[in-house]
Amino acid sequence: MNWFNQMLSEQVEPDSITFLSVLTACGRKGMIDKGRELFDSMVQDYRIEPSPEHYSCMVDMLGRAGRLEEAEEMVNQIPGGPSLSVLQSLLGSCRTYGNVELGEKAAEGLLEMERKESGTYVLMANLYAEKGQWEKASRFKRAMREEGVLKKIGFSWVDVDHAADGSLALHGFSSGDMTHPMAEEIHGVAGFVGMEMKFLKEREVEWYECGVMLESVGCIG
């Protein structure tokens, strides 16, 4: 933002790429209102026609902030309609904020574009389940099976700086993977961490209940 402001102070006119960079920065920093202001300025003051990338950036920015109605309005303004990635971003935000109605619209658009994309089915099934709409959740899971769609397995890489020769060692793993030579040790540590987290959560609940009880009898205010 500092560089952008310096450009403006020196009468250097920003182009579409500059605005895309600044909008991306606003999204990452959570500067939603500033992002909207810059988007409007790009169109009104600099007469720059927003590209699909600009719209995608704005939809992602607004969606992450929970401003889903504004995100939907932005989607409807995209020339030629939204891309797959835009609707995926919108659906992800709907799942995060529990907006079933808008999520259904996004999912409908996604399935029209690509029926074999597992993420759409998984996100909608989870969204319905979190809202207690079990029948609809089951319907999406059943449709996923009928379409022959397989859930993609996530794959991760981890750098470890304890290789035998002192160099970095790169380890790859996926969900349920037991092929790593230290798989048993890794799963053992993961299990221990999970138990520790559960213990801390239970203690947190106990302390909360204890605090409520003490407050009810006037021991704390």
C-alpha atoms as a PDB file:
ATOM      1  CA  MET A   1       0.000   0.000   0.000  1.00  0.00           C
ATOM      2  CA  ASN A   2       2.872   2.367   0.731  1.00  0.00           C
ATOM      3  CA  TRP A   3       4.274   1.896  -2.770  1.00  0.00           C
ATOM      4  CA  PHE A   4       0.819   2.396  -4.252  1.00  0.00           C
ATOM      5  CA  ASN A   5       0.308   5.629  -2.327  1.00  0.00           C
ATOM      6  CA  GLN A   6       3.748   6.813  -3.399  1.00  0.00           C
ATOM      7  CA  MET A   7       2.835   6.127  -7.030  1.00  0.00           C
ATOM      8  CA  LEU A   8      -0.269   8.259  -6.690  1.00  0.00           C
ATOM      9  CA  SER A   9       1.627  11.068  -4.964  1.00  0.00           C
ATOM     10  CA  GLU A  10       4.068  11.143  -7.882  1.00  0.00           C
ATOM     11  CA  GLN A  11       1.216  11.183 -10.429  1.00  0.00           C
ATOM     12  CA  VAL A  12       2.065   7.709 -11.730  1.00  0.00           C
ATOM     13  CA  GLU A  13      -1.184   6.255 -13.034  1.00  0.00           C
ATOM     14  CA  PRO A  14      -1.826   2.672 -11.895  1.00  0.00           C
ATOM     15  CA  ASP A  15      -2.844   0.055 -14.449  1.00  0.00           C
ATOM     16  CA  SER A  16      -5.013  -3.051 -14.097  1.00  0.00           C
ATOM     17  CA  ILE A  17      -2.111  -5.203 -12.880  1.00  0.00           C
ATOM     18  CA  THR A  18      -1.226  -2.664 -10.199  1.00  0.00           C
ATOM     19  CA  PHE A  19      -4.805  -2.652  -8.955  1.00  0.00           C
ATOM     20  CA  LEU A  20      -4.903  -6.450  -8.919  1.00  0.00           C
ATOM     21  CA  SER A  21      -1.791  -6.517  -6.728  1.00  0.00           C
ATOM     22  CA  VAL A  22      -3.199  -3.924  -4.338  1.00  0.00           C
ATOM     23  CA  LEU A  23      -6.583  -5.653  -4.114  1.00  0.00           C
ATOM     24  CA  THR A  24      -4.840  -8.934  -3.338  1.00  0.00           C
ATOM     25  CA  ALA A  25      -2.883  -7.208  -0.565  1.00  0.00           C
ATOM     26  CA  CYS A  26      -6.095  -5.734   0.865  1.00  0.00           C
ATOM     27  CA  GLY A  27      -7.679  -9.176   0.904  1.00  0.00           C
ATOM     28  CA  ARG A  28      -4.761 -10.730   2.757  1.00  0.00           C
ATOM     29  CA  LYS A  29      -4.676  -7.922   5.302  1.00  0.00           C
ATOM     30  CA  GLY A  30      -8.440  -7.942   5.843  1.00  0.00           C
ATOM     31  CA  MET A  31      -8.772  -4.364   4.563  1.00  0.00           C
ATOM     32  CA  ILE A  32     -12.181  -4.993   3.038  1.00  0.00           C
ATOM     33  CA  ASP A  33     -13.550  -1.448   2.917  1.00  0.00           C
ATOM     34  CA  LYS A  34     -10.281  -0.176   1.461  1.00  0.00           C
ATOM     35  CA  GLY A  35     -10.431  -2.915  -1.140  1.00  0.00           C
ATOM     36  CA  ARG A  36     -13.946  -1.914  -2.155  1.00  0.00           C
ATOM     37  CA  GLU A  37     -12.895   1.709  -2.321  1.00  0.00           C
ATOM     38  CA  LEU A  38      -9.959   0.874  -4.597  1.00  0.00           C
ATOM     39  CA  PHE A  39     -12.087  -1.352  -6.822  1.00  0.00           C
ATOM     40  CA  ASP A  40     -14.643   1.421  -7.285  1.00  0.00           C
ATOM     41  CA  SER A  41     -11.857   3.939  -7.912  1.00  0.00           C
ATOM     42  CA  MET A  42     -10.331   1.678 -10.542  1.00  0.00           C
ATOM     43  CA  VAL A  43     -13.608   1.627 -12.448  1.00  0.00           C
ATOM     44  CA  GLN A  44     -14.843   5.174 -11.893  1.00  0.00           C
ATOM     45  CA  ASP A  45     -11.651   7.249 -11.675  1.00  0.00           C
ATOM     46  CA  TYR A  46      -9.285   5.333 -13.935  1.00  0.00           C
ATOM     47  CA  ARG A  47     -11.844   3.846 -16.348  1.00  0.00           C
ATOM     48  CA  ILE A  48     -10.275   0.407 -16.072  1.00  0.00           C
ATOM     49  CA  GLU A  49     -12.583  -2.461 -17.002  1.00  0.00           C
ATOM     50  CA  PRO A  50     -12.380  -5.114 -14.261  1.00  0.00           C
ATOM     51  CA  SER A  51     -11.026  -8.442 -15.473  1.00  0.00           C
ATOM     52  CA  PRO A  52     -12.226 -11.841 -14.207  1.00  0.00           C
ATOM     53  CA  GLU A  53      -9.147 -11.807 -11.953  1.00  0.00           C
ATOM     54  CA  HIS A  54     -10.239  -8.528 -10.334  1.00  0.00           C
ATOM     55  CA  TYR A  55     -13.715  -9.919  -9.697  1.00  0.00           C
ATOM     56  CA  SER A  56     -12.278 -13.172  -8.368  1.00  0.00           C
ATOM     57  CA  CYS A  57     -10.087 -11.237  -5.950  1.00  0.00           C
ATOM     58  CA  MET A  58     -13.055  -9.213  -4.699  1.00  0.00           C
ATOM     59  CA  VAL A  59     -15.296 -12.266  -4.285  1.00  0.00           C
ATOM     60  CA  ASP A  60     -12.601 -14.008  -2.262  1.00  0.00           C
ATOM     61  CA  MET A  61     -11.995 -10.882  -0.160  1.00  0.00           C
ATOM     62  CA  LEU A  62     -15.664 -10.306   0.631  1.00  0.00           C
ATOM     63  CA  GLY A  63     -16.372 -13.990   1.190  1.00  0.00           C
ATOM     64  CA  ARG A  64     -13.553 -14.400   3.697  1.00  0.00           C
ATOM     65  CA  ALA A  65     -14.964 -11.447   5.644  1.00  0.00           C
ATOM     66  CA  GLY A  66     -18.436 -12.995   5.717  1.00  0.00           C
ATOM     67  CA  ARG A  67     -19.937 -10.304   3.500  1.00  0.00           C
ATOM     68  CA  LEU A  68     -21.621 -12.910   1.355  1.00  0.00           C
ATOM     69  CA  GLU A  69     -24.395 -10.750  -0.099  1.00  0.00           C
ATOM     70  CA  GLU A  70     -21.794  -8.345  -1.463  1.00  0.00           C
ATOM     71  CA  ALA A  71     -19.771 -11.286  -2.752  1.00  0.00           C
ATOM     72  CA  GLU A  72     -22.847 -12.604  -4.575  1.00  0.00           C
ATOM     73  CA  GLU A  73     -23.463  -9.181  -6.118  1.00  0.00           C
ATOM     74  CA  MET A  74     -19.879  -9.154  -7.347  1.00  0.00           C
ATOM     75  CA  VAL A  75     -20.300 -12.642  -8.846  1.00  0.00           C
ATOM     76  CA  ASN A  76     -23.366 -11.485 -10.759  1.00  0.00           C
ATOM     77  CA  GLN A  77     -21.391  -8.603 -12.268  1.00  0.00           C
ATOM     78  CA  ILE A  78     -18.676 -10.779 -13.829  1.00  0.00           C
ATOM     79  CA  PRO A  79     -18.790 -10.495 -17.643  1.00  0.00           C
ATOM     80  CA  GLY A  80     -19.518 -13.894 -19.144  1.00  0.00           C
ATOM     81  CA  GLY A  81     -20.326 -15.353 -15.746  1.00  0.00           C
ATOM     82  CA  PRO A  82     -18.125 -16.579 -12.901  1.00  0.00           C
ATOM     83  CA  SER A  83     -15.298 -19.051 -13.353  1.00  0.00           C
ATOM     84  CA  LEU A  84     -14.968 -22.364 -11.539  1.00  0.00           C
ATOM     85  CA  SER A  85     -12.471 -20.919  -9.050  1.00  0.00           C
ATOM     86  CA  VAL A  86     -14.735 -17.960  -8.215  1.00  0.00           C
ATOM     87  CA  LEU A  87     -17.676 -20.217  -7.375  1.00  0.00           C
ATOM     88  CA  GLN A  88     -15.426 -22.555  -5.408  1.00  0.00           C
ATOM     89  CA  SER A  89     -14.239 -19.604  -3.344  1.00  0.00           C
ATOM     90  CA  LEU A  90     -17.827 -18.469  -2.777  1.00  0.00           C
ATOM     91  CA  LEU A  91     -18.951 -21.964  -1.780  1.00  0.00           C
ATOM     92  CA  GLY A  92     -16.046 -22.262   0.649  1.00  0.00           C
ATOM     93  CA  SER A  93     -17.098 -19.001   2.302  1.00  0.00           C
ATOM     94  CA  CYS A  94     -20.713 -20.194   2.469  1.00  0.00           C
ATOM     95  CA  ARG A  95     -19.563 -23.314   4.282  1.00  0.00           C
ATOM     96  CA  THR A  96     -17.456 -21.236   6.687  1.00  0.00           C
ATOM     97  CA  TYR A  97     -20.356 -18.917   7.552  1.00  0.00           C
ATOM     98  CA  GLY A  98     -23.158 -21.483   7.267  1.00  0.00           C
ATOM     99  CA  ASN A  99     -25.062 -19.839   4.402  1.00  0.00           C
ATOM    100  CA  VAL A 100     -26.980 -22.767   2.905  1.00  0.00           C
ATOM    101  CA  GLU A 101     -29.104 -20.788   0.448  1.00  0.00           C
ATOM    102  CA  LEU A 102     -26.196 -19.075  -1.284  1.00  0.00           C
ATOM    103  CA  GLY A 103     -24.128 -22.243  -1.021  1.00  0.00           C
ATOM    104  CA  GLU A 104     -26.785 -24.096  -3.000  1.00  0.00           C
ATOM    105  CA  LYS A 105     -26.633 -21.477  -5.749  1.00  0.00           C
ATOM    106  CA  ALA A 106     -22.853 -21.710  -5.928  1.00  0.00           C
ATOM    107  CA  ALA A 107     -22.960 -25.513  -5.947  1.00  0.00           C
ATOM    108  CA  GLU A 108     -25.542 -25.529  -8.735  1.00  0.00           C
ATOM    109  CA  GLY A 109     -23.279 -23.370 -10.882  1.00  0.00           C
ATOM    110  CA  LEU A 110     -20.255 -25.534 -10.094  1.00  0.00           C
ATOM    111  CA  LEU A 111     -22.033 -28.769 -10.990  1.00  0.00           C
ATOM    112  CA  GLU A 112     -23.143 -27.284 -14.296  1.00  0.00           C
ATOM    113  CA  MET A 113     -19.489 -26.566 -15.101  1.00  0.00           C
ATOM    114  CA  GLU A 114     -17.881 -29.702 -13.698  1.00  0.00           C
ATOM    115  CA  ARG A 115     -19.867 -32.615 -12.273  1.00  0.00           C
ATOM    116  CA  LYS A 116     -16.758 -34.606 -11.386  1.00  0.00           C
ATOM    117  CA  GLU A 117     -15.282 -32.032  -9.001  1.00  0.00           C
ATOM    118  CA  SER A 118     -15.301 -33.725  -5.593  1.00  0.00           C
ATOM    119  CA  GLY A 119     -14.920 -30.510  -3.614  1.00  0.00           C
ATOM    120  CA  THR A 120     -18.438 -29.345  -4.485  1.00  0.00           C
ATOM    121  CA  TYR A 121     -20.053 -32.507  -3.143  1.00  0.00           C
ATOM    122  CA  VAL A 122     -17.910 -32.597  -0.011  1.00  0.00           C
ATOM    123  CA  LEU A 123     -18.448 -28.927   0.878  1.00  0.00           C
ATOM    124  CA  MET A 124     -22.219 -29.113   0.380  1.00  0.00           C
ATOM    125  CA  ALA A 125     -22.551 -32.382   2.297  1.00  0.00           C
ATOM    126  CA  ASN A 126     -20.582 -30.863   5.182  1.00  0.00           C
ATOM    127  CA  LEU A 127     -22.581 -27.623   5.044  1.00  0.00           C
ATOM    128  CA  TYR A 128     -25.881 -29.521   5.229  1.00  0.00           C
ATOM    129  CA  ALA A 129     -24.577 -31.765   8.021  1.00  0.00           C
ATOM    130  CA  GLU A 130     -23.440 -28.799  10.106  1.00  0.00           C
ATOM    131  CA  LYS A 131     -26.938 -27.348   9.775  1.00  0.00           C
ATOM    132  CA  GLY A 132     -28.546 -30.647  10.751  1.00  0.00           C
ATOM    133  CA  GLN A 133     -30.028 -31.190   7.284  1.00  0.00           C
ATOM    134  CA  TRP A 134     -29.025 -34.847   7.193  1.00  0.00           C
ATOM    135  CA  GLU A 135     -31.299 -35.900   4.342  1.00  0.00           C
ATOM    136  CA  LYS A 136     -29.794 -33.325   1.992  1.00  0.00           C
ATOM    137  CA  ALA A 137     -26.291 -34.231   3.146  1.00  0.00           C
ATOM    138  CA  SER A 138     -26.977 -37.888   2.376  1.00  0.00           C
ATOM    139  CA  ARG A 139     -28.372 -36.951  -1.019  1.00  0.00           C
ATOM    140  CA  PHE A 140     -25.150 -35.194  -1.982  1.00  0.00           C
ATOM    141  CA  LYS A 141     -23.031 -38.107  -0.787  1.00  0.00           C
ATOM    142  CA  ARG A 142     -25.226 -40.501  -2.757  1.00  0.00           C
ATOM    143  CA  ALA A 143     -24.986 -38.318  -5.869  1.00  0.00           C
ATOM    144  CA  MET A 144     -21.212 -38.322  -5.453  1.00  0.00           C
ATOM    145  CA  ARG A 145     -21.159 -42.125  -5.495  1.00  0.00           C
ATOM    146  CA  GLU A 146     -23.579 -42.347  -8.425  1.00  0.00           C
ATOM    147  CA  GLU A 147     -21.427 -39.956 -10.461  1.00  0.00           C
ATOM    148  CA  GLY A 148     -18.366 -42.031  -9.648  1.00  0.00           C
ATOM    149  CA  VAL A 149     -16.656 -39.042  -8.054  1.00  0.00           C
ATOM    150  CA  LEU A 150     -13.763 -39.853  -5.739  1.00  0.00           C
ATOM    151  CA  LYS A 151     -12.642 -37.497  -3.013  1.00  0.00           C
ATOM    152  CA  LYS A 152      -9.161 -36.221  -3.785  1.00  0.00           C
ATOM    153  CA  ILE A 153      -6.563 -37.155  -1.206  1.00  0.00           C
ATOM    154  CA  GLY A 154      -4.666 -34.197   0.197  1.00  0.00           C
ATOM    155  CA  PHE A 155      -0.884 -34.447  -0.027  1.00  0.00           C
ATOM    156  CA  SER A 156       1.518 -32.446   2.119  1.00  0.00           C
ATOM    157  CA  TRP A 157       5.250 -31.815   2.278  1.00  0.00           C
ATOM    158  CA  VAL A 158       7.295 -31.038   5.382  1.00  0.00           C
ATOM    159  CA  ASP A 159      10.881 -29.759   5.618  1.00  0.00           C
ATOM    160  CA  VAL A 160      12.876 -31.295   8.464  1.00  0.00           C
ATOM    161  CA  ASP A 161      16.331 -29.933   9.261  1.00  0.00           C
ATOM    162  CA  HIS A 162      17.615 -33.039  11.009  1.00  0.00           C
ATOM    163  CA  ALA A 163      18.871 -35.115   8.109  1.00  0.00           C
ATOM    164  CA  ALA A 164      21.949 -37.276   8.790  1.00  0.00           C
ATOM    165  CA  ASP A 165      24.261 -34.938   6.900  1.00  0.00           C
ATOM    166  CA  GLY A 166      22.799 -31.804   8.474  1.00  0.00           C
ATOM    167  CA  SER A 167      20.879 -30.780   5.358  1.00  0.00           C
ATOM    168  CA  LEU A 168      17.141 -30.288   5.002  1.00  0.00           C
ATOM    169  CA  ALA A 169      15.061 -33.424   4.467  1.00  0.00           C
ATOM    170  CA  LEU A 170      11.782 -33.211   2.553  1.00  0.00           C
ATOM    171  CA  HIS A 171       9.048 -35.610   3.671  1.00  0.00           C
ATOM    172  CA  GLY A 172       5.764 -36.168   1.831  1.00  0.00           C
ATOM    173  CA  PHE A 173       2.624 -37.724   3.265  1.00  0.00           C
ATOM    174  CA  SER A 174      -1.101 -38.072   2.612  1.00  0.00           C
ATOM    175  CA  SER A 175      -4.159 -38.981   4.659  1.00  0.00           C
ATOM    176  CA  GLY A 176      -3.948 -42.593   5.857  1.00  0.00           C
ATOM    177  CA  ASP A 177      -0.471 -43.058   4.385  1.00  0.00           C
ATOM    178  CA  MET A 178       1.619 -45.761   6.128  1.00  0.00           C
ATOM    179  CA  THR A 179       4.453 -46.011   3.582  1.00  0.00           C
ATOM    180  CA  HIS A 180       6.861 -43.677   5.396  1.00  0.00           C
ATOM    181  CA  PRO A 181       9.694 -45.619   7.094  1.00  0.00           C
ATOM    182  CA  MET A 182       8.856 -43.903  10.402  1.00  0.00           C
ATOM    183  CA  ALA A 183       5.078 -44.180   9.983  1.00  0.00           C
ATOM    184  CA  GLU A 184       4.517 -45.913  13.340  1.00  0.00           C
ATOM    185  CA  GLU A 185       6.499 -43.292  15.243  1.00  0.00           C
ATOM    186  CA  ILE A 186       4.748 -40.450  13.403  1.00  0.00           C
ATOM    187  CA  HIS A 187       1.277 -41.858  14.094  1.00  0.00           C
ATOM    188  CA  GLY A 188       2.261 -42.483  17.708  1.00  0.00           C
ATOM    189  CA  VAL A 189       3.228 -38.845  18.206  1.00  0.00           C
ATOM    190  CA  ALA A 190       0.090 -37.683  16.354  1.00  0.00           C
ATOM    191  CA  GLY A 191      -2.042 -39.841  18.642  1.00  0.00           C
ATOM    192  CA  PHE A 192      -0.323 -38.415  21.726  1.00  0.00           C
ATOM    193  CA  VAL A 193      -0.883 -34.848  20.509  1.00  0.00           C
ATOM    194  CA  GLY A 194      -4.556 -35.644  19.877  1.00  0.00           C
ATOM    195  CA  MET A 195      -4.969 -37.019  23.407  1.00  0.00           C
ATOM    196  CA  GLU A 196      -3.213 -33.970  24.853  1.00  0.00           C
ATOM    197  CA  MET A 197      -5.555 -31.644  22.953  1.00  0.00           C
ATOM    198  CA  LYS A 198      -8.582 -33.588  24.197  1.00  0.00           C
ATOM    199  CA  PHE A 199      -7.277 -33.415  27.779  1.00  0.00           C
ATOM    200  CA  LEU A 200      -6.726 -29.655  27.573  1.00  0.00           C
ATOM    201  CA  LYS A 201     -10.203 -29.174  26.097  1.00  0.00           C
ATOM    202  CA  GLU A 202     -11.779 -31.178  28.934  1.00  0.00           C
ATOM    203  CA  ARG A 203      -9.831 -29.175  31.525  1.00  0.00           C
ATOM    204  CA  GLU A 204     -11.004 -25.970  29.872  1.00  0.00           C
ATOM    205  CA  VAL A 205     -14.625 -27.120  30.218  1.00  0.00           C
ATOM    206  CA  GLU A 206     -14.033 -28.124  33.853  1.00  0.00           C
ATOM    207  CA  TRP A 207     -12.537 -24.734  34.714  1.00  0.00           C
ATOM    208  CA  TYR A 208     -15.412 -22.972  32.961  1.00  0.00           C
ATOM    209  CA  GLU A 209     -18.037 -25.001  34.863  1.00  0.00           C
ATOM    210  CA  CYS A 210     -16.142 -24.400  38.100  1.00  0.00           C
ATOM    211  CA  GLY A 211     -16.084 -20.668  37.401  1.00  0.00           C
ATOM    212  CA  VAL A 212     -19.825 -20.621  36.701  1.00  0.00           C
ATOM    213  CA  MET A 213     -20.520 -22.460  39.965  1.00  0.00           C
ATOM    214  CA  LEU A 214     -18.315 -20.113  42.013  1.00  0.00           C
ATOM    215  CA  GLU A 215     -19.941 -17.103  40.409  1.00  0.00           C
ATOM    216  CA  SER A 216     -23.414 -18.466  41.176  1.00  0.00           C
ATOM    217  CA  VAL A 217     -22.619 -18.701  44.896  1.00  0.00           C
ATOM    218  CA  GLY A 218     -21.021 -15.268  44.965  1.00  0.00           C
ATOM    219  CA  CYS A 219     -17.390 -16.342  45.331  1.00  0.00           C
ATOM    220  CA  ILE A 220     -16.345 -14.391  42.253  1.00  0.00           C
ATOM    221  CA  GLY A 221     -17.888 -11.399  40.573  1.00  0.00           C
END
